[in-house]
């Protein structure tokens, strides 16, 4: 999440309007994440990377529309690079976890522990670095993370992988591709899938392409939030222009024409002039 990618990500949110976004390897410490991970109309929950080394990866985040009825899962294990939210309404309830698992680090116990946060449906999304031929990966044999993922899927009938065989990782200046970013969920969520797509046109300078899954849940998990009223930004006001505009508007009133007619309404008239002058000179 460099400054350039943050700018492109804001454009991505405006164009795609996703309900929930999972991000891995934000490569930010707590202060940076708190300062830069702010997006209009969205709430952000993050776990900063565990080291101050600027070359080190890590860090995860979930970006959620304010209109999605949800809460953060706060008591996750501290060691794994993950963050979780609970989406819960009278109609629908599920837990979603964003997980980043570097090579040789995926633990079966980590994924299975997610069940202890309630009997709700589990959605797991993330960069799991799990190479296994069973998912369509190019690797001829499963690596360490791939073997763990195979074991999880073979012993837990409640989880399936929604990915097709489209690669999500594209090595720069090479034709090497792989499936590293996964969407894992229960079968009844999978049956609600309307579309699954790898957005190669929205890579934002990364070697990982975003994956987008559209679900038709047929039940409401959004809340009605009234848009906030726009407010004047007085720090950027052109006060000289404001004075000129206000003077011109006052001159247009014509006090000398009929002062008795105007005097009972002077407070309303002046209040209207103040707002009209501000509309022309204050952002």
Foldseek 3Di string as FASTA:
>chain_A
DDPLLLVLVQVVCVVVVDAKDKDWFPLDDPVCCVPRVDHPQKDKDKDHDPDPPSVDTTIIMMIGGPQFAKAWDDPQDPPFRKTKMWQDDPWAIEIEMEGEAPFPGDDLVNVVCVCVVDVHWYKYKYQQVWADVVQQWPDPHTGNSVVSVVVNCVVDQQKDWLDHNDFFFADPPDRDTGNGITIMTGVVQSVQWPDWDFPPVSCSPHRGTDIDTDGDPVTDRTHDDDDDDDDWDVVQFPVVQLVVQLVVLVVVVPCVPCVVVCVVCVVVSSVVSNVVSCVVTTD
